[in-house]
Amino acid sequence: MDFSNFNGAEQAHMTKVLEKKQMQDFMKLYSGLMERCFMTCVNDFTSKSLTGNEITCVQNCTDKFLKHSERVGARFSEYNAEQMQQAGP
């Protein structure tokens, strides 16, 4: 974001607000991932430790999610670059 029209204090405030929002978004994403993988993979509550199958499932779940997020991010970047080119100078 471009905060060049703001004075120094306003720029600092806007940067702080943006960083806080980004952290909240990250925590929401992380919590959602953990809940989704837990609900999908953990089904044996007779032990405090995860079983081998549960560990594998959680690893696969998180790997798949991270790969998906990476791919979506790359596509979003490509789309954004296209839109910037079309908009011109």
PDB file of N, CA and C in Angstrom:
ATOM      1  N   MET A   1       0.830  -1.173   0.000  1.00  0.00           N
ATOM      2  CA  MET A   1       0.000   0.000   0.000  1.00  0.00           C
ATOM      3  C   MET A   1       0.877   1.240   0.000  1.00  0.00           C
ATOM      4  N   ASP A   2       0.355   2.282  -0.585  1.00  0.00           N
ATOM      5  CA  ASP A   2       1.095   3.532  -0.681  1.00  0.00           C
ATOM      6  C   ASP A   2       0.580   4.512   0.356  1.00  0.00           C
ATOM      7  N   PHE A   3       1.421   4.811   1.316  1.00  0.00           N
ATOM      8  CA  PHE A   3       1.055   5.758   2.362  1.00  0.00           C
ATOM      9  C   PHE A   3       1.808   7.075   2.194  1.00  0.00           C
ATOM     10  N   SER A   4       2.307   7.354   0.989  1.00  0.00           N
ATOM     11  CA  SER A   4       3.149   8.529   0.774  1.00  0.00           C
ATOM     12  C   SER A   4       2.393   9.844   0.957  1.00  0.00           C
ATOM     13  N   ASN A   5       1.085   9.816   0.862  1.00  0.00           N
ATOM     14  CA  ASN A   5       0.300  11.048   1.045  1.00  0.00           C
ATOM     15  C   ASN A   5       0.098  11.386   2.519  1.00  0.00           C
ATOM     16  N   PHE A   6       0.471  10.472   3.420  1.00  0.00           N
ATOM     17  CA  PHE A   6       0.287  10.685   4.850  1.00  0.00           C
ATOM     18  C   PHE A   6       1.562  11.266   5.456  1.00  0.00           C
ATOM     19  N   ASN A   7       1.397  11.934   6.603  1.00  0.00           N
ATOM     20  CA  ASN A   7       2.586  12.387   7.322  1.00  0.00           C
ATOM     21  C   ASN A   7       3.213  11.197   8.054  1.00  0.00           C
ATOM     22  N   GLY A   8       4.342  11.418   8.685  1.00  0.00           N
ATOM     23  CA  GLY A   8       5.082  10.336   9.335  1.00  0.00           C
ATOM     24  C   GLY A   8       4.279   9.579  10.375  1.00  0.00           C
ATOM     25  N   ALA A   9       3.558  10.292  11.216  1.00  0.00           N
ATOM     26  CA  ALA A   9       2.770   9.645  12.274  1.00  0.00           C
ATOM     27  C   ALA A   9       1.639   8.816  11.670  1.00  0.00           C
ATOM     28  N   GLU A  10       1.000   9.377  10.646  1.00  0.00           N
ATOM     29  CA  GLU A  10      -0.088   8.647   9.988  1.00  0.00           C
ATOM     30  C   GLU A  10       0.438   7.402   9.280  1.00  0.00           C
ATOM     31  N   GLN A  11       1.601   7.529   8.652  1.00  0.00           N
ATOM     32  CA  GLN A  11       2.219   6.370   7.992  1.00  0.00           C
ATOM     33  C   GLN A  11       2.526   5.274   8.996  1.00  0.00           C
ATOM     34  N   ALA A  12       3.091   5.659  10.129  1.00  0.00           N
ATOM     35  CA  ALA A  12       3.420   4.680  11.173  1.00  0.00           C
ATOM     36  C   ALA A  12       2.160   4.006  11.695  1.00  0.00           C
ATOM     37  N   HIS A  13       1.111   4.789  11.892  1.00  0.00           N
ATOM     38  CA  HIS A  13      -0.153   4.236  12.385  1.00  0.00           C
ATOM     39  C   HIS A  13      -0.748   3.259  11.369  1.00  0.00           C
ATOM     40  N   MET A  14      -0.792   3.651  10.111  1.00  0.00           N
ATOM     41  CA  MET A  14      -1.358   2.796   9.072  1.00  0.00           C
ATOM     42  C   MET A  14      -0.541   1.512   8.917  1.00  0.00           C
ATOM     43  N   THR A  15       0.770   1.607   9.010  1.00  0.00           N
ATOM     44  CA  THR A  15       1.624   0.426   8.934  1.00  0.00           C
ATOM     45  C   THR A  15       1.332  -0.513  10.092  1.00  0.00           C
ATOM     46  N   LYS A  16       1.163   0.052  11.276  1.00  0.00           N
ATOM     47  CA  LYS A  16       0.857  -0.763  12.462  1.00  0.00           C
ATOM     48  C   LYS A  16      -0.497  -1.456  12.307  1.00  0.00           C
ATOM     49  N   VAL A  17      -1.494  -0.730  11.809  1.00  0.00           N
ATOM     50  CA  VAL A  17      -2.833  -1.303  11.597  1.00  0.00           C
ATOM     51  C   VAL A  17      -2.759  -2.431  10.570  1.00  0.00           C
ATOM     52  N   LEU A  18      -2.031  -2.197   9.490  1.00  0.00           N
ATOM     53  CA  LEU A  18      -1.884  -3.212   8.448  1.00  0.00           C
ATOM     54  C   LEU A  18      -1.181  -4.459   8.981  1.00  0.00           C
ATOM     55  N   GLU A  19      -0.117  -4.277   9.754  1.00  0.00           N
ATOM     56  CA  GLU A  19       0.597  -5.416  10.333  1.00  0.00           C
ATOM     57  C   GLU A  19      -0.302  -6.212  11.284  1.00  0.00           C
ATOM     58  N   LYS A  20      -1.095  -5.507  12.068  1.00  0.00           N
ATOM     59  CA  LYS A  20      -2.016  -6.183  12.991  1.00  0.00           C
ATOM     60  C   LYS A  20      -3.043  -7.001  12.215  1.00  0.00           C
ATOM     61  N   LYS A  21      -3.592  -6.432  11.147  1.00  0.00           N
ATOM     62  CA  LYS A  21      -4.569  -7.134  10.317  1.00  0.00           C
ATOM     63  C   LYS A  21      -3.938  -8.361   9.663  1.00  0.00           C
ATOM     64  N   GLN A  22      -2.719  -8.228   9.176  1.00  0.00           N
ATOM     65  CA  GLN A  22      -2.032  -9.364   8.562  1.00  0.00           C
ATOM     66  C   GLN A  22      -1.806 -10.477   9.579  1.00  0.00           C
ATOM     67  N   MET A  23      -1.447 -10.131  10.803  1.00  0.00           N
ATOM     68  CA  MET A  23      -1.245 -11.134  11.846  1.00  0.00           C
ATOM     69  C   MET A  23      -2.559 -11.815  12.191  1.00  0.00           C
ATOM     70  N   GLN A  24      -3.634 -11.052  12.278  1.00  0.00           N
ATOM     71  CA  GLN A  24      -4.947 -11.638  12.558  1.00  0.00           C
ATOM     72  C   GLN A  24      -5.355 -12.596  11.441  1.00  0.00           C
ATOM     73  N   ASP A  25      -5.135 -12.194  10.194  1.00  0.00           N
ATOM     74  CA  ASP A  25      -5.465 -13.059   9.061  1.00  0.00           C
ATOM     75  C   ASP A  25      -4.638 -14.339   9.090  1.00  0.00           C
ATOM     76  N   PHE A  26      -3.350 -14.210   9.414  1.00  0.00           N
ATOM     77  CA  PHE A  26      -2.485 -15.388   9.497  1.00  0.00           C
ATOM     78  C   PHE A  26      -2.956 -16.333  10.605  1.00  0.00           C
ATOM     79  N   MET A  27      -3.282 -15.784  11.758  1.00  0.00           N
ATOM     80  CA  MET A  27      -3.718 -16.620  12.879  1.00  0.00           C
ATOM     81  C   MET A  27      -5.041 -17.315  12.556  1.00  0.00           C
ATOM     82  N   LYS A  28      -5.931 -16.618  11.876  1.00  0.00           N
ATOM     83  CA  LYS A  28      -7.204 -17.221  11.473  1.00  0.00           C
ATOM     84  C   LYS A  28      -6.951 -18.365  10.492  1.00  0.00           C
ATOM     85  N   LEU A  29      -6.072 -18.143   9.536  1.00  0.00           N
ATOM     86  CA  LEU A  29      -5.727 -19.175   8.561  1.00  0.00           C
ATOM     87  C   LEU A  29      -5.079 -20.375   9.255  1.00  0.00           C
ATOM     88  N   TYR A  30      -4.133 -20.118  10.150  1.00  0.00           N
ATOM     89  CA  TYR A  30      -3.430 -21.174  10.879  1.00  0.00           C
ATOM     90  C   TYR A  30      -4.402 -21.970  11.752  1.00  0.00           C
ATOM     91  N   SER A  31      -5.265 -21.269  12.466  1.00  0.00           N
ATOM     92  CA  SER A  31      -6.238 -21.954  13.326  1.00  0.00           C
ATOM     93  C   SER A  31      -7.192 -22.817  12.507  1.00  0.00           C
ATOM     94  N   GLY A  32      -7.626 -22.298  11.378  1.00  0.00           N
ATOM     95  CA  GLY A  32      -8.510 -23.061  10.505  1.00  0.00           C
ATOM     96  C   GLY A  32      -7.840 -24.316   9.979  1.00  0.00           C
ATOM     97  N   LEU A  33      -6.580 -24.184   9.607  1.00  0.00           N
ATOM     98  CA  LEU A  33      -5.814 -25.338   9.131  1.00  0.00           C
ATOM     99  C   LEU A  33      -5.682 -26.381  10.235  1.00  0.00           C
ATOM    100  N   MET A  34      -5.319 -25.941  11.423  1.00  0.00           N
ATOM    101  CA  MET A  34      -5.141 -26.882  12.526  1.00  0.00           C
ATOM    102  C   MET A  34      -6.452 -27.585  12.865  1.00  0.00           C
ATOM    103  N   GLU A  35      -7.538 -26.837  12.887  1.00  0.00           N
ATOM    104  CA  GLU A  35      -8.835 -27.438  13.203  1.00  0.00           C
ATOM    105  C   GLU A  35      -9.235 -28.440  12.123  1.00  0.00           C
ATOM    106  N   ARG A  36      -9.057 -28.059  10.860  1.00  0.00           N
ATOM    107  CA  ARG A  36      -9.443 -28.939   9.756  1.00  0.00           C
ATOM    108  C   ARG A  36      -8.639 -30.238   9.786  1.00  0.00           C
ATOM    109  N   CYS A  37      -7.338 -30.124   9.961  1.00  0.00           N
ATOM    110  CA  CYS A  37      -6.500 -31.328   9.975  1.00  0.00           C
ATOM    111  C   CYS A  37      -6.775 -32.175  11.220  1.00  0.00           C
ATOM    112  N   PHE A  38      -6.983 -31.528  12.361  1.00  0.00           N
ATOM    113  CA  PHE A  38      -7.288 -32.278  13.578  1.00  0.00           C
ATOM    114  C   PHE A  38      -8.591 -33.050  13.424  1.00  0.00           C
ATOM    115  N   MET A  39      -9.625 -32.361  12.954  1.00  0.00           N
ATOM    116  CA  MET A  39     -10.935 -33.010  12.829  1.00  0.00           C
ATOM    117  C   MET A  39     -10.905 -34.142  11.804  1.00  0.00           C
ATOM    118  N   THR A  40     -10.086 -34.009  10.791  1.00  0.00           N
ATOM    119  CA  THR A  40      -9.988 -35.029   9.753  1.00  0.00           C
ATOM    120  C   THR A  40      -9.140 -36.211  10.195  1.00  0.00           C
ATOM    121  N   CYS A  41      -8.064 -35.936  10.894  1.00  0.00           N
ATOM    122  CA  CYS A  41      -7.049 -36.966  11.123  1.00  0.00           C
ATOM    123  C   CYS A  41      -7.071 -37.623  12.493  1.00  0.00           C
ATOM    124  N   VAL A  42      -7.462 -36.907  13.516  1.00  0.00           N
ATOM    125  CA  VAL A  42      -7.362 -37.444  14.874  1.00  0.00           C
ATOM    126  C   VAL A  42      -8.711 -38.043  15.275  1.00  0.00           C
ATOM    127  N   ASN A  43      -8.701 -39.349  15.504  1.00  0.00           N
ATOM    128  CA  ASN A  43      -9.960 -40.010  15.861  1.00  0.00           C
ATOM    129  C   ASN A  43      -9.791 -41.057  16.956  1.00  0.00           C
ATOM    130  N   ASP A  44      -8.596 -41.200  17.499  1.00  0.00           N
ATOM    131  CA  ASP A  44      -8.362 -42.163  18.572  1.00  0.00           C
ATOM    132  C   ASP A  44      -7.923 -41.396  19.814  1.00  0.00           C
ATOM    133  N   PHE A  45      -8.817 -41.298  20.783  1.00  0.00           N
ATOM    134  CA  PHE A  45      -8.525 -40.534  21.988  1.00  0.00           C
ATOM    135  C   PHE A  45      -8.192 -41.425  23.175  1.00  0.00           C
ATOM    136  N   THR A  46      -7.773 -42.671  22.903  1.00  0.00           N
ATOM    137  CA  THR A  46      -7.411 -43.586  23.981  1.00  0.00           C
ATOM    138  C   THR A  46      -5.988 -43.374  24.459  1.00  0.00           C
ATOM    139  N   SER A  47      -5.228 -42.537  23.747  1.00  0.00           N
ATOM    140  CA  SER A  47      -3.846 -42.253  24.117  1.00  0.00           C
ATOM    141  C   SER A  47      -3.593 -40.763  23.955  1.00  0.00           C
ATOM    142  N   LYS A  48      -2.652 -40.241  24.751  1.00  0.00           N
ATOM    143  CA  LYS A  48      -2.335 -38.823  24.610  1.00  0.00           C
ATOM    144  C   LYS A  48      -1.416 -38.565  23.417  1.00  0.00           C
ATOM    145  N   SER A  49      -0.846 -39.621  22.863  1.00  0.00           N
ATOM    146  CA  SER A  49       0.034 -39.492  21.700  1.00  0.00           C
ATOM    147  C   SER A  49      -0.721 -39.801  20.415  1.00  0.00           C
ATOM    148  N   LEU A  50      -0.275 -39.190  19.329  1.00  0.00           N
ATOM    149  CA  LEU A  50      -0.862 -39.497  18.026  1.00  0.00           C
ATOM    150  C   LEU A  50      -0.378 -40.856  17.550  1.00  0.00           C
ATOM    151  N   THR A  51      -1.231 -41.561  16.835  1.00  0.00           N
ATOM    152  CA  THR A  51      -0.818 -42.828  16.232  1.00  0.00           C
ATOM    153  C   THR A  51      -0.019 -42.525  14.965  1.00  0.00           C
ATOM    154  N   GLY A  52       0.634 -43.525  14.452  1.00  0.00           N
ATOM    155  CA  GLY A  52       1.401 -43.362  13.215  1.00  0.00           C
ATOM    156  C   GLY A  52       0.532 -42.900  12.061  1.00  0.00           C
ATOM    157  N   ASN A  53      -0.658 -43.469  11.958  1.00  0.00           N
ATOM    158  CA  ASN A  53      -1.585 -43.067  10.888  1.00  0.00           C
ATOM    159  C   ASN A  53      -2.042 -41.616  11.062  1.00  0.00           C
ATOM    160  N   GLU A  54      -2.268 -41.207  12.297  1.00  0.00           N
ATOM    161  CA  GLU A  54      -2.689 -39.828  12.549  1.00  0.00           C
ATOM    162  C   GLU A  54      -1.572 -38.849  12.202  1.00  0.00           C
ATOM    163  N   ILE A  55      -0.351 -39.184  12.564  1.00  0.00           N
ATOM    164  CA  ILE A  55       0.794 -38.323  12.245  1.00  0.00           C
ATOM    165  C   ILE A  55       0.927 -38.167  10.732  1.00  0.00           C
ATOM    166  N   THR A  56       0.852 -39.275  10.007  1.00  0.00           N
ATOM    167  CA  THR A  56       0.949 -39.235   8.543  1.00  0.00           C
ATOM    168  C   THR A  56      -0.180 -38.393   7.959  1.00  0.00           C
ATOM    169  N   CYS A  57      -1.388 -38.577   8.462  1.00  0.00           N
ATOM    170  CA  CYS A  57      -2.542 -37.830   7.978  1.00  0.00           C
ATOM    171  C   CYS A  57      -2.357 -36.327   8.207  1.00  0.00           C
ATOM    172  N   VAL A  58      -1.915 -35.942   9.390  1.00  0.00           N
ATOM    173  CA  VAL A  58      -1.708 -34.526   9.700  1.00  0.00           C
ATOM    174  C   VAL A  58      -0.629 -33.939   8.795  1.00  0.00           C
ATOM    175  N   GLN A  59       0.457 -34.687   8.587  1.00  0.00           N
ATOM    176  CA  GLN A  59       1.513 -34.203   7.699  1.00  0.00           C
ATOM    177  C   GLN A  59       1.000 -34.019   6.273  1.00  0.00           C
ATOM    178  N   ASN A  60       0.255 -34.988   5.783  1.00  0.00           N
ATOM    179  CA  ASN A  60      -0.308 -34.890   4.429  1.00  0.00           C
ATOM    180  C   ASN A  60      -1.294 -33.730   4.326  1.00  0.00           C
ATOM    181  N   CYS A  61      -2.112 -33.565   5.342  1.00  0.00           N
ATOM    182  CA  CYS A  61      -3.102 -32.494   5.361  1.00  0.00           C
ATOM    183  C   CYS A  61      -2.419 -31.122   5.309  1.00  0.00           C
ATOM    184  N   THR A  62      -1.427 -30.914   6.144  1.00  0.00           N
ATOM    185  CA  THR A  62      -0.749 -29.615   6.159  1.00  0.00           C
ATOM    186  C   THR A  62       0.049 -29.405   4.879  1.00  0.00           C
ATOM    187  N   ASP A  63       0.720 -30.437   4.382  1.00  0.00           N
ATOM    188  CA  ASP A  63       1.466 -30.306   3.124  1.00  0.00           C
ATOM    189  C   ASP A  63       0.550 -29.919   1.975  1.00  0.00           C
ATOM    190  N   LYS A  64      -0.588 -30.574   1.897  1.00  0.00           N
ATOM    191  CA  LYS A  64      -1.539 -30.290   0.825  1.00  0.00           C
ATOM    192  C   LYS A  64      -2.059 -28.856   0.935  1.00  0.00           C
ATOM    193  N   PHE A  65      -2.360 -28.435   2.151  1.00  0.00           N
ATOM    194  CA  PHE A  65      -2.857 -27.081   2.356  1.00  0.00           C
ATOM    195  C   PHE A  65      -1.804 -26.053   1.954  1.00  0.00           C
ATOM    196  N   LEU A  66      -0.554 -26.265   2.372  1.00  0.00           N
ATOM    197  CA  LEU A  66       0.506 -25.315   2.054  1.00  0.00           C
ATOM    198  C   LEU A  66       0.771 -25.259   0.550  1.00  0.00           C
ATOM    199  N   LYS A  67       0.754 -26.404  -0.108  1.00  0.00           N
ATOM    200  CA  LYS A  67       0.940 -26.419  -1.566  1.00  0.00           C
ATOM    201  C   LYS A  67      -0.203 -25.698  -2.255  1.00  0.00           C
ATOM    202  N   HIS A  68      -1.412 -25.911  -1.769  1.00  0.00           N
ATOM    203  CA  HIS A  68      -2.573 -25.221  -2.330  1.00  0.00           C
ATOM    204  C   HIS A  68      -2.437 -23.707  -2.144  1.00  0.00           C
ATOM    205  N   SER A  69      -2.069 -23.284  -0.956  1.00  0.00           N
ATOM    206  CA  SER A  69      -1.913 -21.857  -0.681  1.00  0.00           C
ATOM    207  C   SER A  69      -0.834 -21.238  -1.559  1.00  0.00           C
ATOM    208  N   GLU A  70       0.257 -21.964  -1.747  1.00  0.00           N
ATOM    209  CA  GLU A  70       1.341 -21.480  -2.605  1.00  0.00           C
ATOM    210  C   GLU A  70       0.851 -21.314  -4.044  1.00  0.00           C
ATOM    211  N   ARG A  71       0.109 -22.291  -4.514  1.00  0.00           N
ATOM    212  CA  ARG A  71      -0.403 -22.239  -5.884  1.00  0.00           C
ATOM    213  C   ARG A  71      -1.405 -21.093  -6.070  1.00  0.00           C
ATOM    214  N   VAL A  72      -2.296 -20.932  -5.112  1.00  0.00           N
ATOM    215  CA  VAL A  72      -3.267 -19.841  -5.186  1.00  0.00           C
ATOM    216  C   VAL A  72      -2.539 -18.492  -5.163  1.00  0.00           C
ATOM    217  N   GLY A  73      -1.543 -18.371  -4.309  1.00  0.00           N
ATOM    218  CA  GLY A  73      -0.757 -17.136  -4.244  1.00  0.00           C
ATOM    219  C   GLY A  73      -0.063 -16.825  -5.553  1.00  0.00           C
ATOM    220  N   ALA A  74       0.497 -17.855  -6.184  1.00  0.00           N
ATOM    221  CA  ALA A  74       1.170 -17.663  -7.477  1.00  0.00           C
ATOM    222  C   ALA A  74       0.171 -17.230  -8.541  1.00  0.00           C
ATOM    223  N   ARG A  75      -0.987 -17.861  -8.576  1.00  0.00           N
ATOM    224  CA  ARG A  75      -2.009 -17.486  -9.562  1.00  0.00           C
ATOM    225  C   ARG A  75      -2.520 -16.076  -9.316  1.00  0.00           C
ATOM    226  N   PHE A  76      -2.678 -15.714  -8.057  1.00  0.00           N
ATOM    227  CA  PHE A  76      -3.118 -14.367  -7.728  1.00  0.00           C
ATOM    228  C   PHE A  76      -2.083 -13.348  -8.196  1.00  0.00           C
ATOM    229  N   SER A  77      -0.806 -13.647  -7.997  1.00  0.00           N
ATOM    230  CA  SER A  77       0.264 -12.748  -8.446  1.00  0.00           C
ATOM    231  C   SER A  77       0.249 -12.595  -9.960  1.00  0.00           C
ATOM    232  N   GLU A  78       0.056 -13.712 -10.664  1.00  0.00           N
ATOM    233  CA  GLU A  78      -0.017 -13.654 -12.128  1.00  0.00           C
ATOM    234  C   GLU A  78      -1.200 -12.792 -12.571  1.00  0.00           C
ATOM    235  N   TYR A  79      -2.346 -13.005 -11.958  1.00  0.00           N
ATOM    236  CA  TYR A  79      -3.540 -12.243 -12.303  1.00  0.00           C
ATOM    237  C   TYR A  79      -3.323 -10.759 -12.018  1.00  0.00           C
ATOM    238  N   ASN A  80      -2.740 -10.459 -10.873  1.00  0.00           N
ATOM    239  CA  ASN A  80      -2.474  -9.075 -10.496  1.00  0.00           C
ATOM    240  C   ASN A  80      -1.527  -8.416 -11.495  1.00  0.00           C
ATOM    241  N   ALA A  81      -0.490  -9.140 -11.922  1.00  0.00           N
ATOM    242  CA  ALA A  81       0.449  -8.600 -12.909  1.00  0.00           C
ATOM    243  C   ALA A  81      -0.256  -8.328 -14.234  1.00  0.00           C
ATOM    244  N   GLU A  82      -1.141  -9.224 -14.650  1.00  0.00           N
ATOM    245  CA  GLU A  82      -1.928  -9.027 -15.876  1.00  0.00           C
ATOM    246  C   GLU A  82      -2.779  -7.767 -15.777  1.00  0.00           C
ATOM    247  N   GLN A  83      -3.437  -7.606 -14.636  1.00  0.00           N
ATOM    248  CA  GLN A  83      -4.311  -6.457 -14.433  1.00  0.00           C
ATOM    249  C   GLN A  83      -3.499  -5.159 -14.448  1.00  0.00           C
ATOM    250  N   MET A  84      -2.316  -5.180 -13.884  1.00  0.00           N
ATOM    251  CA  MET A  84      -1.448  -3.994 -13.873  1.00  0.00           C
ATOM    252  C   MET A  84      -0.999  -3.655 -15.295  1.00  0.00           C
ATOM    253  N   GLN A  85      -0.687  -4.669 -16.097  1.00  0.00           N
ATOM    254  CA  GLN A  85      -0.274  -4.452 -17.479  1.00  0.00           C
ATOM    255  C   GLN A  85      -1.408  -3.851 -18.289  1.00  0.00           C
ATOM    256  N   GLN A  86      -2.605  -4.379 -18.105  1.00  0.00           N
ATOM    257  CA  GLN A  86      -3.755  -3.901 -18.840  1.00  0.00           C
ATOM    258  C   GLN A  86      -4.123  -2.475 -18.455  1.00  0.00           C
ATOM    259  N   ALA A  87      -3.911  -2.136 -17.200  1.00  0.00           N
ATOM    260  CA  ALA A  87      -4.234  -0.785 -16.727  1.00  0.00           C
ATOM    261  C   ALA A  87      -3.274   0.234 -17.321  1.00  0.00           C
ATOM    262  N   GLY A  88      -2.052  -0.211 -17.590  1.00  0.00           N
ATOM    263  CA  GLY A  88      -1.061   0.705 -18.183  1.00  0.00           C
ATOM    264  C   GLY A  88      -0.532   1.715 -17.197  1.00  0.00           C
ATOM    265  N   PRO A  89       0.255   2.653 -17.708  1.00  0.00           N
ATOM    266  CA  PRO A  89       0.864   3.661 -16.825  1.00  0.00           C
ATOM    267  C   PRO A  89      -0.095   4.700 -16.314  1.00  0.00           C
TER     268      PRO A  89
END
